[in-house]
PDB file of all heavy atoms in Angstrom:
ATOM      1  N   ALA A   1      23.464 -61.581 -18.526  1.00  0.00           N
ATOM      2  CA  ALA A   1      22.476 -61.844 -17.382  1.00  0.00           C
ATOM      3  C   ALA A   1      21.142 -61.280 -17.640  1.00  0.00           C
ATOM      4  O   ALA A   1      20.109 -61.872 -17.436  1.00  0.00           O
ATOM      5  CB  ALA A   1      23.073 -61.347 -16.117  1.00  0.00           C
ATOM      6  N   LEU A   2      21.104 -60.055 -18.178  1.00  0.00           N
ATOM      7  CA  LEU A   2      19.801 -59.403 -18.480  1.00  0.00           C
ATOM      8  C   LEU A   2      19.120 -60.094 -19.624  1.00  0.00           C
ATOM      9  O   LEU A   2      17.923 -60.286 -19.539  1.00  0.00           O
ATOM     10  CB  LEU A   2      20.051 -57.913 -18.810  1.00  0.00           C
ATOM     11  CG  LEU A   2      20.460 -56.974 -17.645  1.00  0.00           C
ATOM     12  CD1 LEU A   2      20.845 -55.655 -18.169  1.00  0.00           C
ATOM     13  CD2 LEU A   2      19.394 -56.914 -16.662  1.00  0.00           C
ATOM     14  N   ALA A   3      19.878 -60.550 -20.620  1.00  0.00           N
ATOM     15  CA  ALA A   3      19.258 -61.300 -21.720  1.00  0.00           C
ATOM     16  C   ALA A   3      18.668 -62.590 -21.237  1.00  0.00           C
ATOM     17  O   ALA A   3      17.570 -62.939 -21.688  1.00  0.00           O
ATOM     18  CB  ALA A   3      20.274 -61.553 -22.805  1.00  0.00           C
ATOM     19  N   ILE A   4      19.311 -63.322 -20.373  1.00  0.00           N
ATOM     20  CA  ILE A   4      18.860 -64.548 -19.852  1.00  0.00           C
ATOM     21  C   ILE A   4      17.568 -64.273 -18.999  1.00  0.00           C
ATOM     22  O   ILE A   4      16.585 -65.015 -19.219  1.00  0.00           O
ATOM     23  CB  ILE A   4      19.916 -65.259 -18.941  1.00  0.00           C
ATOM     24  CG1 ILE A   4      21.032 -65.779 -19.867  1.00  0.00           C
ATOM     25  CG2 ILE A   4      19.306 -66.441 -18.152  1.00  0.00           C
ATOM     26  CD1 ILE A   4      22.246 -66.212 -19.102  1.00  0.00           C
ATOM     27  N   ARG A   5      17.557 -63.282 -18.253  1.00  0.00           N
ATOM     28  CA  ARG A   5      16.424 -62.980 -17.396  1.00  0.00           C
ATOM     29  C   ARG A   5      15.232 -62.583 -18.252  1.00  0.00           C
ATOM     30  O   ARG A   5      14.098 -63.055 -18.067  1.00  0.00           O
ATOM     31  CB  ARG A   5      16.699 -61.877 -16.407  1.00  0.00           C
ATOM     32  CG  ARG A   5      15.530 -61.510 -15.504  1.00  0.00           C
ATOM     33  CD  ARG A   5      15.955 -60.789 -14.318  1.00  0.00           C
ATOM     34  NE  ARG A   5      14.840 -60.656 -13.461  1.00  0.00           N
ATOM     35  CZ  ARG A   5      14.846 -59.861 -12.332  1.00  0.00           C
ATOM     36  NH1 ARG A   5      15.948 -59.161 -12.094  1.00  0.00           N
ATOM     37  NH2 ARG A   5      13.792 -59.795 -11.654  1.00  0.00           N
ATOM     38  N   LYS A   6      15.506 -61.783 -19.287  1.00  0.00           N
ATOM     39  CA  LYS A   6      14.407 -61.426 -20.207  1.00  0.00           C
ATOM     40  C   LYS A   6      13.904 -62.616 -20.970  1.00  0.00           C
ATOM     41  O   LYS A   6      12.636 -62.786 -21.175  1.00  0.00           O
ATOM     42  CB  LYS A   6      14.903 -60.379 -21.203  1.00  0.00           C
ATOM     43  CG  LYS A   6      13.833 -59.688 -21.998  1.00  0.00           C
ATOM     44  CD  LYS A   6      14.411 -58.579 -22.793  1.00  0.00           C
ATOM     45  CE  LYS A   6      13.367 -57.791 -23.537  1.00  0.00           C
ATOM     46  NZ  LYS A   6      13.920 -56.642 -24.300  1.00  0.00           N
ATOM     47  N   ALA A   7      14.796 -63.549 -21.429  1.00  0.00           N
ATOM     48  CA  ALA A   7      14.393 -64.722 -22.133  1.00  0.00           C
ATOM     49  C   ALA A   7      13.535 -65.660 -21.283  1.00  0.00           C
ATOM     50  O   ALA A   7      12.675 -66.301 -21.763  1.00  0.00           O
ATOM     51  CB  ALA A   7      15.620 -65.480 -22.679  1.00  0.00           C
ATOM     52  N   ASN A   8      13.779 -65.640 -19.973  1.00  0.00           N
ATOM     53  CA  ASN A   8      13.013 -66.459 -18.993  1.00  0.00           C
ATOM     54  C   ASN A   8      11.709 -65.810 -18.613  1.00  0.00           C
ATOM     55  O   ASN A   8      11.059 -66.231 -17.695  1.00  0.00           O
ATOM     56  CB  ASN A   8      13.845 -66.827 -17.846  1.00  0.00           C
ATOM     57  CG  ASN A   8      14.952 -67.827 -18.203  1.00  0.00           C
ATOM     58  OD1 ASN A   8      14.876 -68.510 -19.189  1.00  0.00           O
ATOM     59  ND2 ASN A   8      16.032 -67.790 -17.415  1.00  0.00           N
ATOM     60  N   GLY A   9      11.433 -64.673 -19.216  1.00  0.00           N
ATOM     61  CA  GLY A   9      10.176 -63.995 -18.904  1.00  0.00           C
ATOM     62  C   GLY A   9      10.249 -63.032 -17.700  1.00  0.00           C
ATOM     63  O   GLY A   9       9.214 -62.485 -17.301  1.00  0.00           O
ATOM     64  N   GLY A  10      11.387 -62.869 -17.283  1.00  0.00           N
ATOM     65  CA  GLY A  10      11.597 -61.828 -16.143  1.00  0.00           C
ATOM     66  C   GLY A  10      11.450 -60.418 -16.633  1.00  0.00           C
ATOM     67  O   GLY A  10      11.718 -60.073 -17.793  1.00  0.00           O
ATOM     68  N   LYS A  11      10.940 -59.569 -15.736  1.00  0.00           N
ATOM     69  CA  LYS A  11      10.816 -58.175 -16.091  1.00  0.00           C
ATOM     70  C   LYS A  11      12.068 -57.439 -15.655  1.00  0.00           C
ATOM     71  O   LYS A  11      12.660 -57.678 -14.650  1.00  0.00           O
ATOM     72  CB  LYS A  11       9.584 -57.535 -15.357  1.00  0.00           C
ATOM     73  CG  LYS A  11       8.283 -58.170 -15.865  1.00  0.00           C
ATOM     74  CD  LYS A  11       7.227 -57.165 -15.774  1.00  0.00           C
ATOM     75  CE  LYS A  11       5.997 -57.698 -16.397  1.00  0.00           C
ATOM     76  NZ  LYS A  11       5.144 -56.752 -16.960  1.00  0.00           N
ATOM     77  N   LEU A  12      12.496 -56.519 -16.490  1.00  0.00           N
ATOM     78  CA  LEU A  12      13.681 -55.680 -16.162  1.00  0.00           C
ATOM     79  C   LEU A  12      13.263 -54.323 -15.696  1.00  0.00           C
ATOM     80  O   LEU A  12      12.267 -53.786 -16.191  1.00  0.00           O
ATOM     81  CB  LEU A  12      14.550 -55.624 -17.481  1.00  0.00           C
ATOM     82  CG  LEU A  12      14.962 -56.855 -18.127  1.00  0.00           C
ATOM     83  CD1 LEU A  12      15.754 -56.624 -19.305  1.00  0.00           C
ATOM     84  CD2 LEU A  12      15.773 -57.738 -17.140  1.00  0.00           C
ATOM     85  N   GLY A  13      13.950 -53.862 -14.726  1.00  0.00           N
ATOM     86  CA  GLY A  13      13.632 -52.529 -14.226  1.00  0.00           C
ATOM     87  C   GLY A  13      12.519 -52.643 -13.239  1.00  0.00           C
ATOM     88  O   GLY A  13      12.102 -53.741 -12.824  1.00  0.00           O
ATOM     89  N   ASN A  14      11.949 -51.514 -12.809  1.00  0.00           N
ATOM     90  CA  ASN A  14      10.901 -51.501 -11.876  1.00  0.00           C
ATOM     91  C   ASN A  14       9.808 -50.539 -12.405  1.00  0.00           C
ATOM     92  O   ASN A  14       9.777 -49.351 -12.026  1.00  0.00           O
ATOM     93  CB  ASN A  14      11.380 -50.984 -10.462  1.00  0.00           C
ATOM     94  CG  ASN A  14      10.321 -51.102  -9.408  1.00  0.00           C
ATOM     95  OD1 ASN A  14       9.144 -51.392  -9.731  1.00  0.00           O
ATOM     96  ND2 ASN A  14      10.697 -50.736  -8.217  1.00  0.00           N
ATOM     97  N   PRO A  15       8.988 -51.079 -13.283  1.00  0.00           N
ATOM     98  CA  PRO A  15       7.996 -50.181 -13.928  1.00  0.00           C
ATOM     99  C   PRO A  15       6.892 -49.717 -12.962  1.00  0.00           C
ATOM    100  O   PRO A  15       6.106 -48.832 -13.291  1.00  0.00           O
ATOM    101  CB  PRO A  15       7.374 -51.048 -15.040  1.00  0.00           C
ATOM    102  CG  PRO A  15       7.634 -52.418 -14.593  1.00  0.00           C
ATOM    103  CD  PRO A  15       8.904 -52.399 -13.747  1.00  0.00           C
ATOM    104  N   THR A  16       6.828 -50.263 -11.759  1.00  0.00           N
ATOM    105  CA  THR A  16       5.778 -49.927 -10.846  1.00  0.00           C
ATOM    106  C   THR A  16       5.932 -48.516 -10.275  1.00  0.00           C
ATOM    107  O   THR A  16       4.952 -47.844  -9.925  1.00  0.00           O
ATOM    108  CB  THR A  16       5.611 -50.924  -9.716  1.00  0.00           C
ATOM    109  OG1 THR A  16       6.888 -50.921  -8.960  1.00  0.00           O
ATOM    110  CG2 THR A  16       5.277 -52.267 -10.196  1.00  0.00           C
ATOM    111  N   ASN A  17       7.196 -48.048 -10.156  1.00  0.00           N
ATOM    112  CA  ASN A  17       7.390 -46.769  -9.580  1.00  0.00           C
ATOM    113  C   ASN A  17       8.008 -45.722 -10.482  1.00  0.00           C
ATOM    114  O   ASN A  17       8.504 -44.688 -10.015  1.00  0.00           O
ATOM    115  CB  ASN A  17       8.161 -46.892  -8.237  1.00  0.00           C
ATOM    116  CG  ASN A  17       9.661 -47.162  -8.520  1.00  0.00           C
ATOM    117  OD1 ASN A  17      10.069 -47.468  -9.667  1.00  0.00           O
ATOM    118  ND2 ASN A  17      10.451 -47.041  -7.597  1.00  0.00           N
ATOM    119  N   ILE A  18       8.008 -46.022 -11.793  1.00  0.00           N
ATOM    120  CA  ILE A  18       8.734 -45.134 -12.701  1.00  0.00           C
ATOM    121  C   ILE A  18       8.160 -43.744 -12.695  1.00  0.00           C
ATOM    122  O   ILE A  18       8.857 -42.702 -12.704  1.00  0.00           O
ATOM    123  CB  ILE A  18       8.849 -45.752 -14.064  1.00  0.00           C
ATOM    124  CG1 ILE A  18       9.876 -45.002 -14.884  1.00  0.00           C
ATOM    125  CG2 ILE A  18       7.462 -45.715 -14.803  1.00  0.00           C
ATOM    126  CD1 ILE A  18      10.317 -45.826 -16.130  1.00  0.00           C
ATOM    127  N   ARG A  19       6.815 -43.660 -12.581  1.00  0.00           N
ATOM    128  CA  ARG A  19       6.144 -42.291 -12.597  1.00  0.00           C
ATOM    129  C   ARG A  19       6.502 -41.579 -11.309  1.00  0.00           C
ATOM    130  O   ARG A  19       6.888 -40.362 -11.355  1.00  0.00           O
ATOM    131  CB  ARG A  19       4.687 -42.482 -12.764  1.00  0.00           C
ATOM    132  CG  ARG A  19       3.886 -41.113 -12.916  1.00  0.00           C
ATOM    133  CD  ARG A  19       2.401 -41.294 -12.983  1.00  0.00           C
ATOM    134  NE  ARG A  19       1.836 -42.084 -11.831  1.00  0.00           N
ATOM    135  CZ  ARG A  19       1.685 -41.545 -10.636  1.00  0.00           C
ATOM    136  NH1 ARG A  19       1.943 -40.339 -10.360  1.00  0.00           N
ATOM    137  NH2 ARG A  19       1.103 -42.228  -9.659  1.00  0.00           N
ATOM    138  N   ILE A  20       6.444 -42.273 -10.190  1.00  0.00           N
ATOM    139  CA  ILE A  20       6.712 -41.669  -8.903  1.00  0.00           C
ATOM    140  C   ILE A  20       8.153 -41.209  -8.826  1.00  0.00           C
ATOM    141  O   ILE A  20       8.527 -40.119  -8.366  1.00  0.00           O
ATOM    142  CB  ILE A  20       6.347 -42.657  -7.769  1.00  0.00           C
ATOM    143  CG1 ILE A  20       4.825 -42.880  -7.754  1.00  0.00           C
ATOM    144  CG2 ILE A  20       6.820 -42.059  -6.467  1.00  0.00           C
ATOM    145  CD1 ILE A  20       4.412 -44.065  -6.879  1.00  0.00           C
ATOM    146  N   ALA A  21       9.079 -42.071  -9.308  1.00  0.00           N
ATOM    147  CA  ALA A  21      10.504 -41.791  -9.284  1.00  0.00           C
ATOM    148  C   ALA A  21      10.782 -40.537 -10.144  1.00  0.00           C
ATOM    149  O   ALA A  21      11.547 -39.717  -9.754  1.00  0.00           O
ATOM    150  CB  ALA A  21      11.336 -43.016  -9.791  1.00  0.00           C
ATOM    151  N   GLY A  22      10.130 -40.488 -11.303  1.00  0.00           N
ATOM    152  CA  GLY A  22      10.283 -39.341 -12.181  1.00  0.00           C
ATOM    153  C   GLY A  22       9.833 -38.035 -11.496  1.00  0.00           C
ATOM    154  O   GLY A  22      10.479 -37.040 -11.597  1.00  0.00           O
ATOM    155  N   GLU A  23       8.701 -38.114 -10.839  1.00  0.00           N
ATOM    156  CA  GLU A  23       8.206 -36.919 -10.131  1.00  0.00           C
ATOM    157  C   GLU A  23       9.167 -36.481  -9.020  1.00  0.00           C
ATOM    158  O   GLU A  23       9.357 -35.273  -8.846  1.00  0.00           O
ATOM    159  CB  GLU A  23       6.769 -37.293  -9.598  1.00  0.00           C
ATOM    160  CG  GLU A  23       5.720 -37.360 -10.624  1.00  0.00           C
ATOM    161  CD  GLU A  23       4.367 -37.742 -10.120  1.00  0.00           C
ATOM    162  OE1 GLU A  23       4.194 -37.806  -8.819  1.00  0.00           O
ATOM    163  OE2 GLU A  23       3.480 -38.041 -10.867  1.00  0.00           O
ATOM    164  N   ILE A  24       9.619 -37.451  -8.327  1.00  0.00           N
ATOM    165  CA  ILE A  24      10.581 -37.145  -7.204  1.00  0.00           C
ATOM    166  C   ILE A  24      11.778 -36.494  -7.783  1.00  0.00           C
ATOM    167  O   ILE A  24      12.324 -35.466  -7.188  1.00  0.00           O
ATOM    168  CB  ILE A  24      10.900 -38.430  -6.421  1.00  0.00           C
ATOM    169  CG1 ILE A  24       9.694 -38.899  -5.595  1.00  0.00           C
ATOM    170  CG2 ILE A  24      12.113 -38.173  -5.476  1.00  0.00           C
ATOM    171  CD1 ILE A  24       9.877 -40.287  -5.016  1.00  0.00           C
ATOM    172  N   GLY A  25      12.321 -37.026  -8.847  1.00  0.00           N
ATOM    173  CA  GLY A  25      13.552 -36.414  -9.483  1.00  0.00           C
ATOM    174  C   GLY A  25      13.253 -35.063  -9.972  1.00  0.00           C
ATOM    175  O   GLY A  25      14.088 -34.121  -9.753  1.00  0.00           O
ATOM    176  N   ARG A  26      12.133 -34.799 -10.654  1.00  0.00           N
ATOM    177  CA  ARG A  26      11.863 -33.475 -11.170  1.00  0.00           C
ATOM    178  C   ARG A  26      11.683 -32.456 -10.029  1.00  0.00           C
ATOM    179  O   ARG A  26      12.151 -31.396 -10.012  1.00  0.00           O
ATOM    180  CB  ARG A  26      10.609 -33.490 -12.005  1.00  0.00           C
ATOM    181  CG  ARG A  26      10.803 -34.062 -13.417  1.00  0.00           C
ATOM    182  CD  ARG A  26       9.563 -33.880 -14.270  1.00  0.00           C
ATOM    183  NE  ARG A  26       8.560 -34.771 -13.876  1.00  0.00           N
ATOM    184  CZ  ARG A  26       8.455 -36.104 -14.140  1.00  0.00           C
ATOM    185  NH1 ARG A  26       9.515 -36.600 -14.827  1.00  0.00           N
ATOM    186  NH2 ARG A  26       7.478 -36.866 -13.726  1.00  0.00           N
ATOM    187  N   THR A  27      10.994 -32.941  -8.980  1.00  0.00           N
ATOM    188  CA  THR A  27      10.759 -32.057  -7.793  1.00  0.00           C
ATOM    189  C   THR A  27      12.147 -31.693  -7.181  1.00  0.00           C
ATOM    190  O   THR A  27      12.319 -30.504  -6.850  1.00  0.00           O
ATOM    191  CB  THR A  27       9.866 -32.753  -6.717  1.00  0.00           C
ATOM    192  OG1 THR A  27       8.643 -33.051  -7.327  1.00  0.00           O
ATOM    193  CG2 THR A  27       9.643 -31.859  -5.538  1.00  0.00           C
ATOM    194  N   SER A  28      12.932 -32.673  -7.006  1.00  0.00           N
ATOM    195  CA  SER A  28      14.298 -32.405  -6.527  1.00  0.00           C
ATOM    196  C   SER A  28      15.109 -31.425  -7.333  1.00  0.00           C
ATOM    197  O   SER A  28      15.705 -30.480  -6.801  1.00  0.00           O
ATOM    198  CB  SER A  28      15.095 -33.715  -6.335  1.00  0.00           C
ATOM    199  OG  SER A  28      16.351 -33.480  -5.931  1.00  0.00           O
ATOM    200  N   LEU A  29      15.035 -31.560  -8.619  1.00  0.00           N
ATOM    201  CA  LEU A  29      15.784 -30.607  -9.569  1.00  0.00           C
ATOM    202  C   LEU A  29      15.209 -29.239  -9.420  1.00  0.00           C
ATOM    203  O   LEU A  29      15.970 -28.302  -9.355  1.00  0.00           O
ATOM    204  CB  LEU A  29      15.639 -31.101 -10.980  1.00  0.00           C
ATOM    205  CG  LEU A  29      16.535 -32.317 -11.386  1.00  0.00           C
ATOM    206  CD1 LEU A  29      16.280 -32.755 -12.789  1.00  0.00           C
ATOM    207  CD2 LEU A  29      18.036 -32.001 -11.169  1.00  0.00           C
ATOM    208  N   ILE A  30      13.899 -29.094  -9.392  1.00  0.00           N
ATOM    209  CA  ILE A  30      13.258 -27.828  -9.323  1.00  0.00           C
ATOM    210  C   ILE A  30      13.626 -27.176  -7.929  1.00  0.00           C
ATOM    211  O   ILE A  30      13.915 -25.968  -7.910  1.00  0.00           O
ATOM    212  CB  ILE A  30      11.730 -27.927  -9.417  1.00  0.00           C
ATOM    213  CG1 ILE A  30      11.387 -28.326 -10.871  1.00  0.00           C
ATOM    214  CG2 ILE A  30      11.017 -26.658  -9.041  1.00  0.00           C
ATOM    215  CD1 ILE A  30       9.989 -28.773 -11.093  1.00  0.00           C
ATOM    216  N   GLU A  31      13.590 -27.928  -6.842  1.00  0.00           N
ATOM    217  CA  GLU A  31      13.934 -27.381  -5.571  1.00  0.00           C
ATOM    218  C   GLU A  31      15.397 -26.940  -5.499  1.00  0.00           C
ATOM    219  O   GLU A  31      15.709 -25.817  -5.008  1.00  0.00           O
ATOM    220  CB  GLU A  31      13.750 -28.424  -4.445  1.00  0.00           C
ATOM    221  CG  GLU A  31      12.249 -28.603  -4.117  1.00  0.00           C
ATOM    222  CD  GLU A  31      12.014 -29.726  -3.175  1.00  0.00           C
ATOM    223  OE1 GLU A  31      13.021 -30.225  -2.556  1.00  0.00           O
ATOM    224  OE2 GLU A  31      10.841 -30.074  -2.867  1.00  0.00           O
ATOM    225  N   THR A  32      16.264 -27.713  -6.063  1.00  0.00           N
ATOM    226  CA  THR A  32      17.756 -27.356  -6.114  1.00  0.00           C
ATOM    227  C   THR A  32      17.900 -26.111  -6.996  1.00  0.00           C
ATOM    228  O   THR A  32      18.627 -25.202  -6.481  1.00  0.00           O
ATOM    229  CB  THR A  32      18.551 -28.491  -6.790  1.00  0.00           C
ATOM    230  OG1 THR A  32      18.394 -29.699  -5.974  1.00  0.00           O
ATOM    231  CG2 THR A  32      19.994 -28.159  -6.867  1.00  0.00           C
ATOM    232  N   ALA A  33      17.266 -26.018  -8.053  1.00  0.00           N
ATOM    233  CA  ALA A  33      17.397 -24.824  -8.923  1.00  0.00           C
ATOM    234  C   ALA A  33      16.807 -23.562  -8.203  1.00  0.00           C
ATOM    235  O   ALA A  33      17.367 -22.503  -8.246  1.00  0.00           O
ATOM    236  CB  ALA A  33      16.697 -24.967 -10.230  1.00  0.00           C
ATOM    237  N   GLY A  34      15.677 -23.772  -7.548  1.00  0.00           N
ATOM    238  CA  GLY A  34      15.090 -22.691  -6.768  1.00  0.00           C
ATOM    239  C   GLY A  34      15.963 -22.199  -5.597  1.00  0.00           C
ATOM    240  O   GLY A  34      16.144 -21.002  -5.396  1.00  0.00           O
TER     241      GLY A  34
END
């Protein structure tokens, strides 16, 4: 299904929020460790 979507020009994943999601994840890990 992913190959078909990619072949049809569809984008996989959500690149629009990858930086924000990474920051949220890092912040959460730091808070948990703290």
